[in-house]
Amino acid sequence: MQGEKERIVDFEPLVKWDKGEESDTIELHVGGFRKGQLRVQVNNLGTLLVTGERQLEDKISWSRFRREFKLEKEYCLHSIRAKLGNGVLHIVVPRKLEVKSPIRLVNSQQAVPAEKTEPADRKENNHQPLAGVNHQPGEPDQTGTGSYERERVWMNGACWRLQFVSRRRVLQISVAVLAAAVTGTGIYLASKYLLDHRNGLIMPGPTQYTTAIQQN
């Protein structure tokens, strides 16, 4: 048999995909292959790669196969399990657990306190002169209007202007703090990226994960 050129025989395994509630199972019929001749890999892009290669009985031929499966985002890539038994490779792909937010019940029959009403005559006489204003009820000033009314209008305008200035100041401070936080985060991420790239922690292309194969 010496001197003869080795040849490759492509093998196409039978594939079956069983879907479940918590996980899916991919079955590949790979009769003749042993545990050490198979490899199951998955990358962070969701590509599941299953390969196999074994030498045939004539010692110059090799049987091999390659199958790829695209996994959606609903699967947990780090928890994939593989098991070989009776010539069938079982690959279990778990689904991600859905976190449901708690339901908050609201009692629609809560009592609402009734609005306190006052007699009409009390509402009309509810205005009292401001403190510090020299005015007697029923005594008009030279312009014909009560001085306490003008004082009330002036104080309401002053309060409104003070609230406007305070809100504007708070808005300016909030914008400045937000801009500083965004700038600091950008500088931190850029520095971390350069440091990781220099130390070789960032690898080009998708990252591969190899799944250990169990055997009955």
N, C-alpha and C. Protein backbone atom coordinates (compact mmCIF):
# COMPACT_ATOMS: atom_id res chain seq x y z
N MET A 1 0.81 -1.19 0.00
CA MET A 1 0.00 0.00 0.00
C MET A 1 0.85 1.26 0.00
N GLN A 2 2.16 1.08 0.13
CA GLN A 2 3.02 2.23 0.15
C GLN A 2 3.13 2.83 -1.24
N GLY A 3 3.24 4.11 -1.29
CA GLY A 3 3.35 4.81 -2.56
C GLY A 3 2.03 5.25 -3.13
N GLU A 4 0.95 4.70 -2.63
CA GLU A 4 -0.35 5.12 -3.11
C GLU A 4 -0.75 6.46 -2.48
N LYS A 5 -1.39 7.31 -3.24
CA LYS A 5 -1.77 8.65 -2.79
C LYS A 5 -3.04 8.57 -1.95
N GLU A 6 -3.02 9.29 -0.83
CA GLU A 6 -4.20 9.31 0.03
C GLU A 6 -5.34 10.05 -0.67
N ARG A 7 -6.54 9.64 -0.40
CA ARG A 7 -7.70 10.27 -1.00
C ARG A 7 -8.73 10.56 0.09
N ILE A 8 -9.55 11.59 -0.18
CA ILE A 8 -10.57 12.04 0.77
C ILE A 8 -11.94 11.64 0.26
N VAL A 9 -12.72 11.04 1.14
CA VAL A 9 -14.08 10.66 0.83
C VAL A 9 -15.01 11.55 1.67
N ASP A 10 -15.77 12.43 1.01
CA ASP A 10 -16.71 13.31 1.71
C ASP A 10 -17.92 12.52 2.18
N PHE A 11 -18.25 12.75 3.43
CA PHE A 11 -19.35 12.04 4.07
C PHE A 11 -20.45 13.04 4.42
N GLU A 12 -21.69 12.71 4.09
CA GLU A 12 -22.83 13.59 4.37
C GLU A 12 -23.72 12.91 5.41
N PRO A 13 -23.62 13.32 6.69
CA PRO A 13 -24.41 12.65 7.73
C PRO A 13 -25.89 13.03 7.64
N LEU A 14 -26.73 12.13 8.06
CA LEU A 14 -28.16 12.41 8.18
C LEU A 14 -28.39 13.30 9.40
N VAL A 15 -29.15 14.37 9.20
CA VAL A 15 -29.36 15.37 10.26
C VAL A 15 -30.85 15.42 10.61
N LYS A 16 -31.14 15.47 11.89
CA LYS A 16 -32.50 15.61 12.39
C LYS A 16 -32.50 16.68 13.48
N TRP A 17 -33.46 17.60 13.42
CA TRP A 17 -33.55 18.70 14.38
C TRP A 17 -34.87 18.58 15.12
N ASP A 18 -34.77 18.31 16.43
CA ASP A 18 -35.96 18.21 17.28
C ASP A 18 -36.06 19.47 18.13
N LYS A 19 -37.22 20.14 18.05
CA LYS A 19 -37.45 21.36 18.80
C LYS A 19 -38.21 21.05 20.08
N GLY A 20 -37.80 21.70 21.17
CA GLY A 20 -38.46 21.55 22.46
C GLY A 20 -38.75 22.90 23.07
N GLU A 21 -39.40 22.89 24.23
CA GLU A 21 -39.76 24.13 24.90
C GLU A 21 -38.54 24.81 25.52
N GLU A 22 -37.68 24.04 26.18
CA GLU A 22 -36.52 24.60 26.87
C GLU A 22 -35.24 24.48 26.06
N SER A 23 -35.18 23.55 25.11
CA SER A 23 -33.96 23.36 24.32
C SER A 23 -34.30 22.62 23.04
N ASP A 24 -33.41 22.73 22.05
CA ASP A 24 -33.50 21.98 20.80
C ASP A 24 -32.38 20.95 20.77
N THR A 25 -32.61 19.85 20.06
CA THR A 25 -31.61 18.79 19.94
C THR A 25 -31.33 18.52 18.46
N ILE A 26 -30.06 18.61 18.09
CA ILE A 26 -29.63 18.30 16.72
C ILE A 26 -28.99 16.92 16.73
N GLU A 27 -29.50 16.04 15.90
CA GLU A 27 -28.98 14.67 15.81
C GLU A 27 -28.27 14.49 14.48
N LEU A 28 -27.03 14.03 14.55
CA LEU A 28 -26.24 13.72 13.36
C LEU A 28 -25.87 12.24 13.40
N HIS A 29 -26.25 11.50 12.37
CA HIS A 29 -25.93 10.07 12.28
C HIS A 29 -24.53 9.94 11.68
N VAL A 30 -23.59 9.61 12.56
CA VAL A 30 -22.17 9.57 12.17
C VAL A 30 -21.60 8.18 12.49
N GLY A 31 -22.24 7.14 11.94
CA GLY A 31 -21.78 5.79 12.19
C GLY A 31 -20.34 5.57 11.74
N GLY A 32 -19.54 4.95 12.60
CA GLY A 32 -18.14 4.69 12.30
C GLY A 32 -17.19 5.70 12.92
N PHE A 33 -17.70 6.86 13.32
CA PHE A 33 -16.85 7.88 13.93
C PHE A 33 -16.80 7.67 15.45
N ARG A 34 -15.62 7.95 16.02
CA ARG A 34 -15.44 7.89 17.46
C ARG A 34 -15.39 9.30 18.04
N LYS A 35 -15.40 9.36 19.37
CA LYS A 35 -15.44 10.65 20.06
C LYS A 35 -14.28 11.56 19.66
N GLY A 36 -13.08 11.04 19.60
CA GLY A 36 -11.91 11.84 19.29
C GLY A 36 -11.84 12.29 17.84
N GLN A 37 -12.71 11.76 16.99
CA GLN A 37 -12.70 12.12 15.57
C GLN A 37 -13.76 13.18 15.23
N LEU A 38 -14.47 13.65 16.23
CA LEU A 38 -15.52 14.64 16.02
C LEU A 38 -15.19 15.92 16.79
N ARG A 39 -15.69 17.03 16.28
CA ARG A 39 -15.48 18.31 16.93
C ARG A 39 -16.74 19.17 16.77
N VAL A 40 -17.16 19.78 17.89
CA VAL A 40 -18.32 20.66 17.91
C VAL A 40 -17.85 22.03 18.38
N GLN A 41 -18.05 23.05 17.54
CA GLN A 41 -17.60 24.41 17.87
C GLN A 41 -18.74 25.40 17.60
N VAL A 42 -18.73 26.49 18.35
CA VAL A 42 -19.70 27.56 18.15
C VAL A 42 -18.98 28.88 18.40
N ASN A 43 -19.31 29.90 17.61
CA ASN A 43 -18.69 31.21 17.82
C ASN A 43 -19.73 32.18 18.36
N ASN A 44 -19.25 33.38 18.71
CA ASN A 44 -20.15 34.37 19.32
C ASN A 44 -21.10 34.99 18.31
N LEU A 45 -21.01 34.63 17.04
CA LEU A 45 -21.95 35.11 16.03
C LEU A 45 -23.13 34.15 15.85
N GLY A 46 -23.10 33.02 16.58
CA GLY A 46 -24.20 32.07 16.51
C GLY A 46 -24.04 31.00 15.46
N THR A 47 -22.82 30.76 14.96
CA THR A 47 -22.58 29.72 13.96
C THR A 47 -22.08 28.46 14.66
N LEU A 48 -22.86 27.39 14.55
CA LEU A 48 -22.49 26.09 15.12
C LEU A 48 -21.84 25.25 14.02
N LEU A 49 -20.61 24.80 14.27
CA LEU A 49 -19.85 24.04 13.28
C LEU A 49 -19.55 22.65 13.84
N VAL A 50 -19.94 21.62 13.07
CA VAL A 50 -19.69 20.23 13.45
C VAL A 50 -18.84 19.60 12.36
N THR A 51 -17.69 19.08 12.72
CA THR A 51 -16.78 18.46 11.75
C THR A 51 -16.36 17.08 12.24
N GLY A 52 -15.99 16.24 11.30
CA GLY A 52 -15.50 14.90 11.63
C GLY A 52 -14.54 14.41 10.57
N GLU A 53 -13.56 13.63 11.01
CA GLU A 53 -12.57 13.08 10.07
C GLU A 53 -12.01 11.79 10.67
N ARG A 54 -12.02 10.71 9.86
CA ARG A 54 -11.49 9.43 10.32
C ARG A 54 -10.86 8.67 9.15
N GLN A 55 -9.93 7.83 9.51
CA GLN A 55 -9.24 7.03 8.50
C GLN A 55 -10.01 5.74 8.25
N LEU A 56 -10.12 5.38 6.97
CA LEU A 56 -10.85 4.17 6.60
C LEU A 56 -9.95 2.94 6.71
N GLU A 57 -10.54 1.78 6.48
CA GLU A 57 -9.83 0.53 6.70
C GLU A 57 -8.68 0.32 5.72
N ASP A 58 -8.73 0.93 4.55
CA ASP A 58 -7.64 0.71 3.59
C ASP A 58 -6.39 1.52 3.94
N LYS A 59 -6.47 2.34 4.99
CA LYS A 59 -5.34 3.11 5.50
C LYS A 59 -4.87 4.24 4.58
N ILE A 60 -5.49 4.40 3.44
CA ILE A 60 -5.09 5.50 2.55
C ILE A 60 -6.27 6.43 2.24
N SER A 61 -7.43 6.13 2.77
CA SER A 61 -8.62 6.95 2.53
C SER A 61 -9.09 7.55 3.84
N TRP A 62 -9.61 8.78 3.73
CA TRP A 62 -10.11 9.50 4.88
C TRP A 62 -11.55 9.92 4.61
N SER A 63 -12.40 9.68 5.58
CA SER A 63 -13.80 10.11 5.49
C SER A 63 -13.97 11.35 6.37
N ARG A 64 -14.56 12.33 5.80
CA ARG A 64 -14.73 13.58 6.54
C ARG A 64 -16.07 14.23 6.19
N PHE A 65 -16.52 15.11 7.08
CA PHE A 65 -17.74 15.88 6.83
C PHE A 65 -17.64 17.22 7.56
N ARG A 66 -18.48 18.13 7.15
CA ARG A 66 -18.54 19.48 7.74
C ARG A 66 -19.97 20.00 7.61
N ARG A 67 -20.59 20.33 8.75
CA ARG A 67 -21.94 20.86 8.75
C ARG A 67 -22.00 22.13 9.61
N GLU A 68 -22.69 23.14 9.09
CA GLU A 68 -22.84 24.41 9.80
C GLU A 68 -24.32 24.66 10.06
N PHE A 69 -24.60 25.22 11.23
CA PHE A 69 -25.96 25.57 11.62
C PHE A 69 -25.94 27.00 12.16
N LYS A 70 -26.90 27.80 11.73
CA LYS A 70 -27.02 29.18 12.20
C LYS A 70 -28.02 29.22 13.34
N LEU A 71 -27.53 29.62 14.52
CA LEU A 71 -28.38 29.68 15.71
C LEU A 71 -28.86 31.11 15.91
N GLU A 72 -30.13 31.26 16.29
CA GLU A 72 -30.70 32.57 16.53
C GLU A 72 -30.32 33.07 17.92
N LYS A 73 -30.71 34.30 18.22
CA LYS A 73 -30.36 34.92 19.50
C LYS A 73 -31.09 34.31 20.68
N GLU A 74 -32.11 33.49 20.41
CA GLU A 74 -32.88 32.91 21.51
C GLU A 74 -32.14 31.78 22.20
N TYR A 75 -31.01 31.32 21.65
CA TYR A 75 -30.28 30.19 22.21
C TYR A 75 -29.13 30.67 23.09
N CYS A 76 -28.81 29.87 24.11
CA CYS A 76 -27.70 30.14 25.01
C CYS A 76 -26.47 29.41 24.48
N LEU A 77 -25.55 30.15 23.87
CA LEU A 77 -24.42 29.54 23.18
C LEU A 77 -23.42 28.90 24.13
N HIS A 78 -23.32 29.39 25.36
CA HIS A 78 -22.31 28.88 26.28
C HIS A 78 -22.75 27.60 26.99
N SER A 79 -23.98 27.15 26.77
CA SER A 79 -24.48 25.97 27.48
C SER A 79 -24.77 24.80 26.54
N ILE A 80 -24.17 24.80 25.36
CA ILE A 80 -24.39 23.72 24.40
C ILE A 80 -23.68 22.45 24.88
N ARG A 81 -24.38 21.33 24.79
CA ARG A 81 -23.83 20.03 25.20
C ARG A 81 -23.88 19.07 24.02
N ALA A 82 -22.91 18.15 23.98
CA ALA A 82 -22.84 17.15 22.90
C ALA A 82 -22.55 15.78 23.50
N LYS A 83 -23.23 14.74 22.94
CA LYS A 83 -23.07 13.38 23.43
C LYS A 83 -23.16 12.41 22.27
N LEU A 84 -22.23 11.47 22.23
CA LEU A 84 -22.17 10.47 21.15
C LEU A 84 -22.59 9.12 21.70
N GLY A 85 -23.54 8.47 21.03
CA GLY A 85 -23.98 7.15 21.45
C GLY A 85 -24.67 6.41 20.31
N ASN A 86 -24.28 5.18 20.10
CA ASN A 86 -24.87 4.31 19.07
C ASN A 86 -24.78 4.94 17.68
N GLY A 87 -23.65 5.59 17.39
CA GLY A 87 -23.45 6.17 16.07
C GLY A 87 -24.22 7.46 15.82
N VAL A 88 -24.84 8.04 16.85
CA VAL A 88 -25.60 9.28 16.70
C VAL A 88 -25.02 10.34 17.64
N LEU A 89 -24.71 11.51 17.09
CA LEU A 89 -24.19 12.63 17.86
C LEU A 89 -25.36 13.54 18.22
N HIS A 90 -25.64 13.65 19.53
CA HIS A 90 -26.73 14.48 20.02
C HIS A 90 -26.14 15.81 20.50
N ILE A 91 -26.59 16.92 19.93
CA ILE A 91 -26.15 18.25 20.33
C ILE A 91 -27.36 18.99 20.91
N VAL A 92 -27.31 19.29 22.21
CA VAL A 92 -28.41 19.95 22.90
C VAL A 92 -28.11 21.45 22.96
N VAL A 93 -29.03 22.25 22.42
CA VAL A 93 -28.87 23.71 22.38
C VAL A 93 -29.97 24.32 23.26
N PRO A 94 -29.65 24.75 24.49
CA PRO A 94 -30.68 25.31 25.38
C PRO A 94 -31.14 26.69 24.90
N ARG A 95 -32.38 26.99 25.24
CA ARG A 95 -32.93 28.32 24.97
C ARG A 95 -32.68 29.23 26.18
N LYS A 96 -32.65 30.53 25.91
CA LYS A 96 -32.50 31.50 26.99
C LYS A 96 -33.80 31.58 27.78
N LEU A 97 -33.64 31.72 29.09
CA LEU A 97 -34.81 31.83 29.96
C LEU A 97 -35.39 33.23 29.85
N GLU A 98 -36.71 33.31 29.71
CA GLU A 98 -37.38 34.60 29.63
C GLU A 98 -37.70 35.08 31.04
N VAL A 99 -37.25 36.30 31.34
CA VAL A 99 -37.51 36.90 32.64
C VAL A 99 -38.77 37.74 32.54
N LYS A 100 -39.80 37.30 33.25
CA LYS A 100 -41.09 37.98 33.21
C LYS A 100 -41.18 38.97 34.36
N SER A 101 -41.61 40.17 34.05
CA SER A 101 -41.75 41.20 35.07
C SER A 101 -42.99 40.91 35.92
N PRO A 102 -42.90 41.14 37.24
CA PRO A 102 -44.07 40.87 38.10
C PRO A 102 -45.23 41.77 37.75
N ILE A 103 -46.44 41.21 37.88
CA ILE A 103 -47.67 41.95 37.57
C ILE A 103 -48.16 42.64 38.84
N ARG A 104 -48.34 43.91 38.74
CA ARG A 104 -48.79 44.68 39.89
C ARG A 104 -50.28 44.96 39.77
N LEU A 105 -51.02 44.48 40.75
CA LEU A 105 -52.46 44.66 40.75
C LEU A 105 -52.81 46.00 41.39
N VAL A 106 -53.70 46.70 40.77
CA VAL A 106 -54.14 48.00 41.26
C VAL A 106 -55.61 47.89 41.61
N ASN A 107 -55.95 48.27 42.82
CA ASN A 107 -57.34 48.23 43.27
C ASN A 107 -58.06 49.44 42.69
N SER A 108 -58.94 49.15 41.74
CA SER A 108 -59.66 50.24 41.06
C SER A 108 -60.78 50.81 41.91
N GLN A 109 -61.06 50.19 43.07
CA GLN A 109 -62.15 50.64 43.90
C GLN A 109 -61.67 51.43 45.12
N GLN A 110 -60.48 52.02 45.02
CA GLN A 110 -59.99 52.82 46.11
C GLN A 110 -60.85 54.06 46.27
N ALA A 111 -61.13 54.39 47.52
CA ALA A 111 -61.98 55.54 47.79
C ALA A 111 -61.22 56.82 47.51
N VAL A 112 -61.86 57.73 46.84
CA VAL A 112 -61.27 59.03 46.53
C VAL A 112 -61.92 60.05 47.43
N PRO A 113 -61.11 60.75 48.23
CA PRO A 113 -61.74 61.72 49.15
C PRO A 113 -62.47 62.80 48.39
N ALA A 114 -63.66 63.15 48.88
CA ALA A 114 -64.47 64.17 48.23
C ALA A 114 -63.84 65.53 48.43
N GLU A 115 -63.98 66.35 47.43
CA GLU A 115 -63.43 67.69 47.50
C GLU A 115 -64.22 68.52 48.50
N LYS A 116 -63.46 69.14 49.36
CA LYS A 116 -64.10 69.95 50.41
C LYS A 116 -64.61 71.24 49.80
N THR A 117 -65.87 71.47 49.98
CA THR A 117 -66.50 72.66 49.42
C THR A 117 -66.81 73.65 50.52
N GLU A 118 -66.86 74.87 50.13
CA GLU A 118 -67.17 75.93 51.07
C GLU A 118 -68.38 76.69 50.56
N PRO A 119 -69.11 77.28 51.45
CA PRO A 119 -70.26 78.09 51.01
C PRO A 119 -69.80 79.23 50.13
N ALA A 120 -70.72 79.64 49.25
CA ALA A 120 -70.37 80.70 48.30
C ALA A 120 -70.02 81.99 49.00
N ASP A 121 -70.71 82.30 50.11
CA ASP A 121 -70.43 83.56 50.78
C ASP A 121 -69.06 83.56 51.41
N ARG A 122 -68.58 82.37 51.88
CA ARG A 122 -67.25 82.29 52.46
C ARG A 122 -66.18 82.42 51.40
N LYS A 123 -66.43 81.86 50.16
CA LYS A 123 -65.47 82.00 49.08
C LYS A 123 -65.30 83.45 48.67
N GLU A 124 -66.40 84.18 48.65
CA GLU A 124 -66.30 85.57 48.22
C GLU A 124 -65.52 86.40 49.22
N ASN A 125 -65.63 86.10 50.50
CA ASN A 125 -64.96 86.89 51.53
C ASN A 125 -63.67 86.25 51.99
N ASN A 126 -63.09 85.35 51.15
CA ASN A 126 -61.91 84.61 51.54
C ASN A 126 -60.64 85.44 51.41
N HIS A 127 -60.64 86.54 50.65
CA HIS A 127 -59.45 87.35 50.43
C HIS A 127 -59.20 88.20 51.65
N GLN A 128 -58.00 88.13 52.19
CA GLN A 128 -57.59 88.92 53.33
C GLN A 128 -56.45 89.82 52.91
N PRO A 129 -56.34 91.01 53.49
CA PRO A 129 -55.24 91.92 53.14
C PRO A 129 -53.90 91.32 53.53
N LEU A 130 -52.88 91.60 52.74
CA LEU A 130 -51.53 91.09 52.99
C LEU A 130 -50.95 91.77 54.21
N ALA A 131 -50.03 91.04 54.87
CA ALA A 131 -49.38 91.60 56.05
C ALA A 131 -48.47 92.73 55.64
N GLY A 132 -48.49 93.79 56.40
CA GLY A 132 -47.61 94.91 56.11
C GLY A 132 -48.23 95.94 55.21
N VAL A 133 -49.45 95.74 54.74
CA VAL A 133 -50.12 96.69 53.86
C VAL A 133 -51.10 97.50 54.70
N ASN A 134 -50.95 98.81 54.69
CA ASN A 134 -51.79 99.69 55.49
C ASN A 134 -53.09 99.94 54.76
N HIS A 135 -54.02 99.10 54.98
CA HIS A 135 -55.30 99.22 54.29
C HIS A 135 -56.38 98.64 55.17
N GLN A 136 -57.48 99.27 55.19
CA GLN A 136 -58.64 98.81 55.92
C GLN A 136 -59.67 98.29 54.93
N PRO A 137 -60.34 97.21 55.22
CA PRO A 137 -61.35 96.68 54.29
C PRO A 137 -62.40 97.72 53.98
N GLY A 138 -62.71 97.81 52.67
CA GLY A 138 -63.72 98.75 52.22
C GLY A 138 -63.20 100.15 52.01
N GLU A 139 -61.88 100.38 52.22
CA GLU A 139 -61.34 101.73 52.06
C GLU A 139 -60.46 101.75 50.82
N PRO A 140 -60.90 102.26 49.68
CA PRO A 140 -60.11 102.27 48.45
C PRO A 140 -59.01 103.30 48.53
N ASP A 141 -57.98 103.10 47.68
CA ASP A 141 -56.91 104.08 47.61
C ASP A 141 -57.25 105.11 46.55
N GLN A 142 -56.24 105.96 46.16
CA GLN A 142 -56.49 107.05 45.24
C GLN A 142 -56.86 106.56 43.85
N THR A 143 -56.34 105.42 43.44
CA THR A 143 -56.64 104.92 42.08
C THR A 143 -57.94 104.17 42.03
N GLY A 144 -58.55 103.90 43.15
CA GLY A 144 -59.84 103.21 43.15
C GLY A 144 -59.71 101.71 43.33
N THR A 145 -58.50 101.17 43.44
CA THR A 145 -58.31 99.73 43.66
C THR A 145 -57.61 99.53 44.98
N GLY A 146 -57.82 98.39 45.61
CA GLY A 146 -57.19 98.11 46.89
C GLY A 146 -55.69 97.94 46.75
N SER A 147 -54.92 98.54 47.63
CA SER A 147 -53.45 98.41 47.55
C SER A 147 -53.01 96.98 47.79
N TYR A 148 -53.76 96.24 48.60
CA TYR A 148 -53.36 94.85 48.83
C TYR A 148 -53.49 94.01 47.59
N GLU A 149 -54.40 94.36 46.65
CA GLU A 149 -54.52 93.63 45.39
C GLU A 149 -53.28 93.84 44.54
N ARG A 150 -52.79 95.11 44.48
CA ARG A 150 -51.56 95.38 43.70
C ARG A 150 -50.37 94.66 44.31
N GLU A 151 -50.34 94.60 45.64
CA GLU A 151 -49.24 93.90 46.31
C GLU A 151 -49.28 92.41 46.00
N ARG A 152 -50.48 91.86 45.94
CA ARG A 152 -50.60 90.43 45.62
C ARG A 152 -50.12 90.13 44.20
N VAL A 153 -50.51 90.97 43.23
CA VAL A 153 -50.07 90.77 41.85
C VAL A 153 -48.57 90.87 41.74
N TRP A 154 -47.97 91.82 42.44
CA TRP A 154 -46.51 92.00 42.37
C TRP A 154 -45.79 90.78 42.95
N MET A 155 -46.27 90.28 44.07
CA MET A 155 -45.61 89.12 44.69
C MET A 155 -45.77 87.87 43.84
N ASN A 156 -46.94 87.69 43.20
CA ASN A 156 -47.13 86.54 42.32
C ASN A 156 -46.16 86.59 41.14
N GLY A 157 -45.96 87.78 40.55
CA GLY A 157 -45.01 87.93 39.45
C GLY A 157 -43.59 87.65 39.88
N ALA A 158 -43.22 88.13 41.09
CA ALA A 158 -41.86 87.88 41.59
C ALA A 158 -41.62 86.40 41.82
N CYS A 159 -42.61 85.70 42.38
CA CYS A 159 -42.47 84.26 42.59
C CYS A 159 -42.33 83.52 41.27
N TRP A 160 -43.10 83.92 40.25
CA TRP A 160 -43.01 83.25 38.95
C TRP A 160 -41.63 83.43 38.33
N ARG A 161 -41.08 84.68 38.42
CA ARG A 161 -39.75 84.92 37.86
C ARG A 161 -38.68 84.14 38.60
N LEU A 162 -38.82 84.03 39.93
CA LEU A 162 -37.86 83.26 40.71
C LEU A 162 -37.90 81.78 40.33
N GLN A 163 -39.10 81.22 40.14
CA GLN A 163 -39.19 79.82 39.73
C GLN A 163 -38.60 79.60 38.35
N PHE A 164 -38.82 80.54 37.43
CA PHE A 164 -38.28 80.40 36.08
C PHE A 164 -36.75 80.38 36.10
N VAL A 165 -36.16 81.30 36.87
CA VAL A 165 -34.70 81.36 36.95
C VAL A 165 -34.15 80.09 37.59
N SER A 166 -34.82 79.57 38.64
CA SER A 166 -34.35 78.36 39.31
C SER A 166 -34.40 77.16 38.38
N ARG A 167 -35.48 77.00 37.64
CA ARG A 167 -35.59 75.87 36.72
C ARG A 167 -34.56 75.96 35.60
N ARG A 168 -34.32 77.14 35.11
CA ARG A 168 -33.32 77.31 34.05
C ARG A 168 -31.93 76.97 34.56
N ARG A 169 -31.64 77.35 35.80
CA ARG A 169 -30.33 77.03 36.38
C ARG A 169 -30.17 75.53 36.56
N VAL A 170 -31.20 74.88 37.06
CA VAL A 170 -31.15 73.42 37.23
C VAL A 170 -30.95 72.72 35.89
N LEU A 171 -31.62 73.19 34.83
CA LEU A 171 -31.47 72.59 33.51
C LEU A 171 -30.05 72.75 32.99
N GLN A 172 -29.46 73.92 33.19
CA GLN A 172 -28.08 74.14 32.74
C GLN A 172 -27.11 73.22 33.47
N ILE A 173 -27.30 73.05 34.78
CA ILE A 173 -26.41 72.17 35.55
C ILE A 173 -26.58 70.72 35.11
N SER A 174 -27.82 70.28 34.84
CA SER A 174 -28.05 68.90 34.40
C SER A 174 -27.39 68.63 33.06
N VAL A 175 -27.49 69.57 32.12
CA VAL A 175 -26.87 69.39 30.81
C VAL A 175 -25.36 69.31 30.94
N ALA A 176 -24.77 70.16 31.82
CA ALA A 176 -23.32 70.13 32.00
C ALA A 176 -22.85 68.82 32.60
N VAL A 177 -23.59 68.30 33.58
CA VAL A 177 -23.22 67.02 34.20
C VAL A 177 -23.33 65.88 33.20
N LEU A 178 -24.40 65.87 32.39
CA LEU A 178 -24.58 64.82 31.39
C LEU A 178 -23.46 64.85 30.35
N ALA A 179 -23.08 66.04 29.89
CA ALA A 179 -22.01 66.15 28.91
C ALA A 179 -20.68 65.65 29.49
N ALA A 180 -20.41 65.98 30.76
CA ALA A 180 -19.18 65.51 31.39
C ALA A 180 -19.17 64.00 31.53
N ALA A 181 -20.32 63.41 31.86
CA ALA A 181 -20.39 61.95 32.00
C ALA A 181 -20.17 61.25 30.67
N VAL A 182 -20.78 61.75 29.60
CA VAL A 182 -20.60 61.15 28.27
C VAL A 182 -19.15 61.25 27.83
N THR A 183 -18.53 62.40 28.05
CA THR A 183 -17.13 62.57 27.66
C THR A 183 -16.21 61.63 28.44
N GLY A 184 -16.45 61.52 29.75
CA GLY A 184 -15.63 60.62 30.55
C GLY A 184 -15.77 59.16 30.15
N THR A 185 -17.01 58.75 29.85
CA THR A 185 -17.23 57.37 29.41
C THR A 185 -16.53 57.09 28.09
N GLY A 186 -16.58 58.03 27.15
CA GLY A 186 -15.91 57.85 25.87
C GLY A 186 -14.41 57.73 26.03
N ILE A 187 -13.83 58.55 26.88
CA ILE A 187 -12.38 58.48 27.11
C ILE A 187 -11.99 57.16 27.75
N TYR A 188 -12.82 56.67 28.71
CA TYR A 188 -12.51 55.40 29.37
C TYR A 188 -12.57 54.23 28.39
N LEU A 189 -13.62 54.19 27.55
CA LEU A 189 -13.76 53.08 26.60
C LEU A 189 -12.64 53.09 25.58
N ALA A 190 -12.27 54.28 25.10
CA ALA A 190 -11.18 54.36 24.12
C ALA A 190 -9.87 53.91 24.72
N SER A 191 -9.59 54.31 25.97
CA SER A 191 -8.35 53.89 26.63
C SER A 191 -8.32 52.40 26.87
N LYS A 192 -9.47 51.83 27.30
CA LYS A 192 -9.54 50.39 27.54
C LYS A 192 -9.34 49.60 26.26
N TYR A 193 -9.94 50.08 25.15
CA TYR A 193 -9.79 49.38 23.88
C TYR A 193 -8.32 49.36 23.45
N LEU A 194 -7.66 50.50 23.53
CA LEU A 194 -6.25 50.57 23.12
C LEU A 194 -5.38 49.69 24.00
N LEU A 195 -5.67 49.67 25.33
CA LEU A 195 -4.88 48.84 26.22
C LEU A 195 -5.09 47.36 25.95
N ASP A 196 -6.35 46.95 25.75
CA ASP A 196 -6.62 45.53 25.46
C ASP A 196 -6.02 45.12 24.13
N HIS A 197 -6.11 46.00 23.14
CA HIS A 197 -5.54 45.68 21.83
C HIS A 197 -4.03 45.54 21.92
N ARG A 198 -3.38 46.37 22.74
CA ARG A 198 -1.93 46.29 22.89
C ARG A 198 -1.53 45.01 23.59
N ASN A 199 -2.33 44.57 24.57
CA ASN A 199 -2.01 43.36 25.32
C ASN A 199 -2.46 42.09 24.62
N GLY A 200 -3.10 42.20 23.46
CA GLY A 200 -3.51 41.02 22.72
C GLY A 200 -4.78 40.39 23.22
N LEU A 201 -5.59 41.13 24.02
CA LEU A 201 -6.83 40.56 24.55
C LEU A 201 -7.95 40.59 23.54
N ILE A 202 -7.88 41.47 22.56
CA ILE A 202 -8.91 41.56 21.52
C ILE A 202 -8.45 40.74 20.32
N MET A 203 -9.21 39.72 19.98
CA MET A 203 -8.85 38.83 18.88
C MET A 203 -9.65 39.21 17.64
N PRO A 204 -9.03 39.23 16.48
CA PRO A 204 -9.77 39.55 15.26
C PRO A 204 -10.74 38.44 14.90
N GLY A 205 -11.90 38.83 14.37
CA GLY A 205 -12.87 37.84 13.91
C GLY A 205 -13.67 37.27 15.06
N PRO A 206 -14.60 36.36 14.77
CA PRO A 206 -15.45 35.77 15.80
C PRO A 206 -14.66 34.84 16.72
N THR A 207 -15.07 34.77 17.97
CA THR A 207 -14.42 33.92 18.95
C THR A 207 -15.05 32.52 18.91
N GLN A 208 -14.20 31.49 18.88
CA GLN A 208 -14.66 30.12 18.79
C GLN A 208 -14.71 29.47 20.17
N TYR A 209 -15.77 28.68 20.43
CA TYR A 209 -15.90 27.90 21.64
C TYR A 209 -16.06 26.44 21.25
N THR A 210 -15.23 25.59 21.86
CA THR A 210 -15.28 24.16 21.56
C THR A 210 -16.08 23.44 22.65
N THR A 211 -17.03 22.63 22.24
CA THR A 211 -17.87 21.88 23.17
C THR A 211 -17.32 20.46 23.35
N ALA A 212 -17.12 20.07 24.59
CA ALA A 212 -16.64 18.71 24.87
C ALA A 212 -17.73 17.70 24.56
N ILE A 213 -17.32 16.60 23.93
CA ILE A 213 -18.27 15.54 23.52
C ILE A 213 -18.20 14.40 24.52
N GLN A 214 -19.35 14.04 25.07
CA GLN A 214 -19.45 12.89 25.96
C GLN A 214 -19.82 11.64 25.16
N GLN A 215 -19.48 10.50 25.71
CA GLN A 215 -19.75 9.25 24.99
C GLN A 215 -20.28 8.22 25.97
N ASN A 216 -21.31 7.49 25.50
CA ASN A 216 -21.88 6.45 26.34
C ASN A 216 -20.90 5.31 26.56
